[in-house]
């Protein structure tokens, strides 16, 4: 379980969040500027809270008065809105970059993820030669191939056309079924939230407004 109890202040904005995340798909839903992406960045170690605690099981990511755990040691997979693929690397090298030491693309689990995402034919290509939907599929596989403890996704479908979005969402759900890690997804699209989530957490102005259970989560 991930436990989050944090505060962060900026001029004109004050975030105070207490949440726990089980082994399920949780969607953080709310308008732009409500603090959703900041929550993900705190979990990933890209933003440091002013005070509080972030803990995954017995592992302390952050606690007031202690040195934060570096992002690379947290075991968190992160899929960014802009994909964040390395433009000078092929798709194959992008996927291999974050894999555990000793693992290669020939690992059966990784080959299975590549096949499910439908990116076999893209492995020798560069990100600049890919469509938005193809880049997103690669980003999903790269995050899961790193064997994360949990995966964070920041507006992962927002830049895609509707037809492409539906296909990529289906691929994402198939990937999570194959590699069932806890997932936290940020979106401001309510239909998308209801389609993907086991639980929706409503965020506004740096606070939790409400929660809604969508379905009984399959243990991940």
Protein backbone atom coordinates (compact mmCIF):
# COMPACT_ATOMS: atom_id res chain seq x y z
CA UNK A 1 0.00 0.00 0.00
CA UNK A 2 1.12 3.54 -0.79
CA UNK A 3 0.46 6.10 1.95
CA UNK A 4 0.60 9.81 1.15
CA UNK A 5 0.28 12.61 3.72
CA UNK A 6 1.85 15.77 2.35
CA UNK A 7 1.68 19.55 2.27
CA UNK A 8 3.16 21.88 -0.33
CA UNK A 9 2.76 25.63 -0.65
CA UNK A 10 3.39 28.02 -3.53
CA UNK A 11 2.33 31.65 -3.89
CA UNK A 12 -1.41 31.48 -4.51
CA UNK A 13 -1.69 27.70 -4.12
CA UNK A 14 -1.73 25.41 -1.10
CA UNK A 15 -1.84 21.62 -1.40
CA UNK A 16 -2.69 19.37 1.56
CA UNK A 17 -3.40 15.73 0.70
CA UNK A 18 -3.94 12.55 2.71
CA UNK A 19 -4.50 9.44 0.61
CA UNK A 20 -3.80 5.73 0.57
CA UNK A 21 -3.52 3.63 -2.58
CA UNK A 22 -4.11 -0.11 -2.66
CA UNK A 23 -3.09 -2.54 -5.38
CA UNK A 24 -5.61 -1.27 -7.93
CA UNK A 25 -6.12 1.36 -10.63
CA UNK A 26 -6.79 4.74 -9.00
CA UNK A 27 -7.71 7.80 -11.06
CA UNK A 28 -7.06 11.31 -9.75
CA UNK A 29 -9.77 13.38 -11.40
CA UNK A 30 -10.16 17.14 -11.38
CA UNK A 31 -9.68 20.36 -13.35
CA UNK A 32 -6.33 21.61 -14.58
CA UNK A 33 -4.33 23.29 -11.82
CA UNK A 34 -5.93 21.31 -8.99
CA UNK A 35 -2.68 19.60 -7.93
CA UNK A 36 -3.10 16.18 -9.56
CA UNK A 37 0.21 16.15 -11.43
CA UNK A 38 1.99 17.54 -8.37
CA UNK A 39 0.82 14.50 -6.40
CA UNK A 40 2.34 12.19 -9.01
CA UNK A 41 5.57 14.19 -9.04
CA UNK A 42 5.85 13.94 -5.26
CA UNK A 43 5.39 10.17 -5.37
CA UNK A 44 8.02 9.92 -8.12
CA UNK A 45 10.45 12.17 -6.24
CA UNK A 46 10.44 14.98 -8.80
CA UNK A 47 8.85 17.45 -6.36
CA UNK A 48 9.69 17.52 -2.64
CA UNK A 49 6.85 18.23 -0.18
CA UNK A 50 7.25 20.92 2.46
CA UNK A 51 6.24 18.41 5.12
CA UNK A 52 4.56 15.05 5.62
CA UNK A 53 5.29 11.47 4.62
CA UNK A 54 5.22 9.24 1.54
CA UNK A 55 5.58 5.52 2.22
CA UNK A 56 5.26 2.43 0.02
CA UNK A 57 4.85 -0.55 2.30
CA UNK A 58 7.79 -0.35 4.69
CA UNK A 59 9.83 1.81 2.31
CA UNK A 60 9.90 5.53 3.16
CA UNK A 61 10.09 7.68 0.04
CA UNK A 62 9.87 10.94 2.00
CA UNK A 63 9.44 12.03 5.61
CA UNK A 64 9.80 15.45 7.23
CA UNK A 65 13.34 15.93 8.47
CA UNK A 66 14.80 13.05 6.45
CA UNK A 67 16.66 13.06 3.16
CA UNK A 68 14.19 12.08 0.41
CA UNK A 69 14.82 8.80 -1.39
CA UNK A 70 16.20 9.59 -4.89
CA UNK A 71 13.72 9.02 -7.75
CA UNK A 72 15.80 6.25 -9.33
CA UNK A 73 15.62 4.16 -6.15
CA UNK A 74 11.84 4.35 -5.71
CA UNK A 75 10.94 1.72 -8.29
CA UNK A 76 8.25 3.92 -9.84
CA UNK A 77 7.33 3.78 -13.52
CA UNK A 78 6.17 7.14 -14.93
CA UNK A 79 4.35 7.73 -18.23
CA UNK A 80 4.38 11.45 -19.01
CA UNK A 81 1.87 13.37 -21.11
CA UNK A 82 4.59 14.17 -23.67
CA UNK A 83 5.88 10.54 -23.66
CA UNK A 84 9.44 11.59 -22.62
CA UNK A 85 11.10 9.17 -25.05
CA UNK A 86 14.78 9.71 -25.83
CA UNK A 87 14.82 11.08 -29.40
CA UNK A 88 18.36 9.83 -30.16
CA UNK A 89 17.54 6.23 -29.20
CA UNK A 90 15.60 3.62 -31.14
CA UNK A 91 12.40 2.23 -29.66
CA UNK A 92 14.32 -0.89 -28.61
CA UNK A 93 16.94 1.17 -26.77
CA UNK A 94 14.26 3.35 -25.15
CA UNK A 95 12.60 0.25 -23.72
CA UNK A 96 15.90 -1.34 -22.65
CA UNK A 97 17.13 1.86 -20.95
CA UNK A 98 15.15 1.39 -17.74
CA UNK A 99 15.17 -2.40 -17.55
CA UNK A 100 16.74 -4.14 -14.53
CA UNK A 101 20.41 -5.01 -14.84
CA UNK A 102 20.91 -8.26 -16.71
CA UNK A 103 17.55 -8.12 -18.51
CA UNK A 104 17.28 -7.64 -22.28
CA UNK A 105 14.50 -7.30 -24.82
CA UNK A 106 14.75 -11.07 -25.29
CA UNK A 107 13.31 -11.55 -21.79
CA UNK A 108 10.02 -13.48 -22.30
CA UNK A 109 8.01 -11.05 -20.18
CA UNK A 110 9.29 -8.05 -22.13
CA UNK A 111 8.64 -9.77 -25.46
CA UNK A 112 5.09 -10.42 -24.29
CA UNK A 113 4.58 -6.74 -23.40
CA UNK A 114 5.94 -5.68 -26.79
CA UNK A 115 3.58 -8.10 -28.55
CA UNK A 116 0.51 -6.99 -26.56
CA UNK A 117 1.26 -3.33 -27.32
CA UNK A 118 1.69 -4.16 -31.01
CA UNK A 119 5.05 -2.42 -31.35
CA UNK A 120 7.18 -5.31 -32.65
CA UNK A 121 7.66 -3.61 -36.03
CA UNK A 122 8.68 -0.31 -34.39
CA UNK A 123 11.73 -1.51 -32.44
CA UNK A 124 14.28 -0.23 -34.96
CA UNK A 125 12.64 3.15 -35.46
CA UNK A 126 13.22 6.46 -33.68
CA UNK A 127 10.58 8.44 -31.73
CA UNK A 128 10.55 11.19 -34.36
CA UNK A 129 9.25 8.68 -36.89
CA UNK A 130 6.32 7.53 -34.72
CA UNK A 131 2.73 8.73 -34.44
CA UNK A 132 1.37 9.93 -31.09
CA UNK A 133 -0.39 6.63 -30.48
CA UNK A 134 2.76 4.65 -31.27
CA UNK A 135 4.84 6.81 -28.93
CA UNK A 136 2.35 6.25 -26.14
CA UNK A 137 2.41 2.47 -26.60
CA UNK A 138 6.21 2.56 -26.43
CA UNK A 139 6.06 4.69 -23.27
CA UNK A 140 3.71 2.17 -21.62
CA UNK A 141 5.98 -0.76 -22.45
CA UNK A 142 9.10 1.11 -21.30
CA UNK A 143 7.49 1.90 -17.94
CA UNK A 144 6.31 -1.67 -17.34
CA UNK A 145 9.54 -3.28 -18.60
CA UNK A 146 11.36 -1.52 -15.75
CA UNK A 147 9.46 -3.86 -13.37
CA UNK A 148 8.11 -1.01 -11.22
CA UNK A 149 6.48 -1.29 -7.81
CA UNK A 150 3.78 1.03 -9.15
CA UNK A 151 3.12 3.03 -12.29
CA UNK A 152 2.11 6.69 -12.59
CA UNK A 153 0.40 8.10 -15.69
CA UNK A 154 -0.11 11.84 -16.24
CA UNK A 155 -2.89 12.56 -18.76
CA UNK A 156 -1.62 9.65 -20.89
CA UNK A 157 -4.32 9.87 -23.58
CA UNK A 158 -5.10 13.59 -23.72
CA UNK A 159 -3.10 14.40 -26.87
CA UNK A 160 -4.57 11.55 -28.96
CA UNK A 161 -7.47 11.68 -31.42
CA UNK A 162 -10.56 9.79 -30.26
CA UNK A 163 -10.14 6.74 -32.52
CA UNK A 164 -6.47 6.41 -31.61
CA UNK A 165 -7.27 7.08 -27.95
CA UNK A 166 -9.71 4.17 -27.77
CA UNK A 167 -7.20 1.76 -29.31
CA UNK A 168 -4.34 2.90 -27.08
CA UNK A 169 -6.51 2.69 -23.95
CA UNK A 170 -7.39 -0.89 -24.85
CA UNK A 171 -3.70 -1.67 -25.30
CA UNK A 172 -2.92 -0.08 -21.94
CA UNK A 173 -5.59 -2.13 -20.16
CA UNK A 174 -4.25 -5.29 -21.81
CA UNK A 175 -0.73 -4.42 -20.67
CA UNK A 176 -1.87 -3.87 -17.08
CA UNK A 177 -3.68 -7.19 -17.16
CA UNK A 178 -0.42 -8.84 -18.22
CA UNK A 179 1.74 -6.95 -15.70
CA UNK A 180 -0.62 -6.16 -12.80
CA UNK A 181 1.07 -3.39 -10.82
CA UNK A 182 -0.77 -0.66 -8.88
CA UNK A 183 -1.49 2.29 -11.18
CA UNK A 184 -2.33 5.94 -10.48
CA UNK A 185 -3.70 7.88 -13.45
CA UNK A 186 -4.28 11.63 -13.70
CA UNK A 187 -7.05 12.87 -16.01
CA UNK A 188 -9.65 15.61 -16.35
CA UNK A 189 -11.75 13.45 -18.73
CA UNK A 190 -14.65 11.99 -16.72
CA UNK A 191 -15.56 9.32 -19.27
CA UNK A 192 -11.94 8.18 -19.29
CA UNK A 193 -11.84 8.12 -15.49
CA UNK A 194 -14.94 5.93 -15.25
CA UNK A 195 -13.68 3.60 -17.97
CA UNK A 196 -10.25 2.98 -16.43
CA UNK A 197 -10.64 3.27 -12.67
CA UNK A 198 -11.28 0.85 -9.87
CA UNK A 199 -11.49 3.99 -7.70
CA UNK A 200 -11.80 7.68 -8.56
CA UNK A 201 -10.42 10.34 -6.22
CA UNK A 202 -11.79 13.83 -6.90
CA UNK A 203 -9.21 16.61 -6.45
CA UNK A 204 -9.88 20.34 -6.45
CA UNK A 205 -7.70 23.26 -5.35
CA UNK A 206 -5.16 21.01 -3.66
CA UNK A 207 -7.68 19.03 -1.60
CA UNK A 208 -9.47 15.68 -1.81
CA UNK A 209 -13.18 16.40 -2.33
CA UNK A 210 -14.58 12.88 -2.57
CA UNK A 211 -13.91 9.29 -3.62
CA UNK A 212 -15.97 6.89 -5.70
CA UNK A 213 -15.59 3.13 -5.96
CA UNK A 214 -16.19 2.06 -9.56
CA UNK A 215 -15.63 -1.68 -9.25
CA UNK A 216 -14.13 -4.23 -6.92
CA UNK A 217 -10.46 -4.22 -7.75
CA UNK A 218 -8.73 -7.34 -8.95
CA UNK A 219 -5.71 -7.82 -6.65
CA UNK A 220 -2.61 -6.55 -8.47
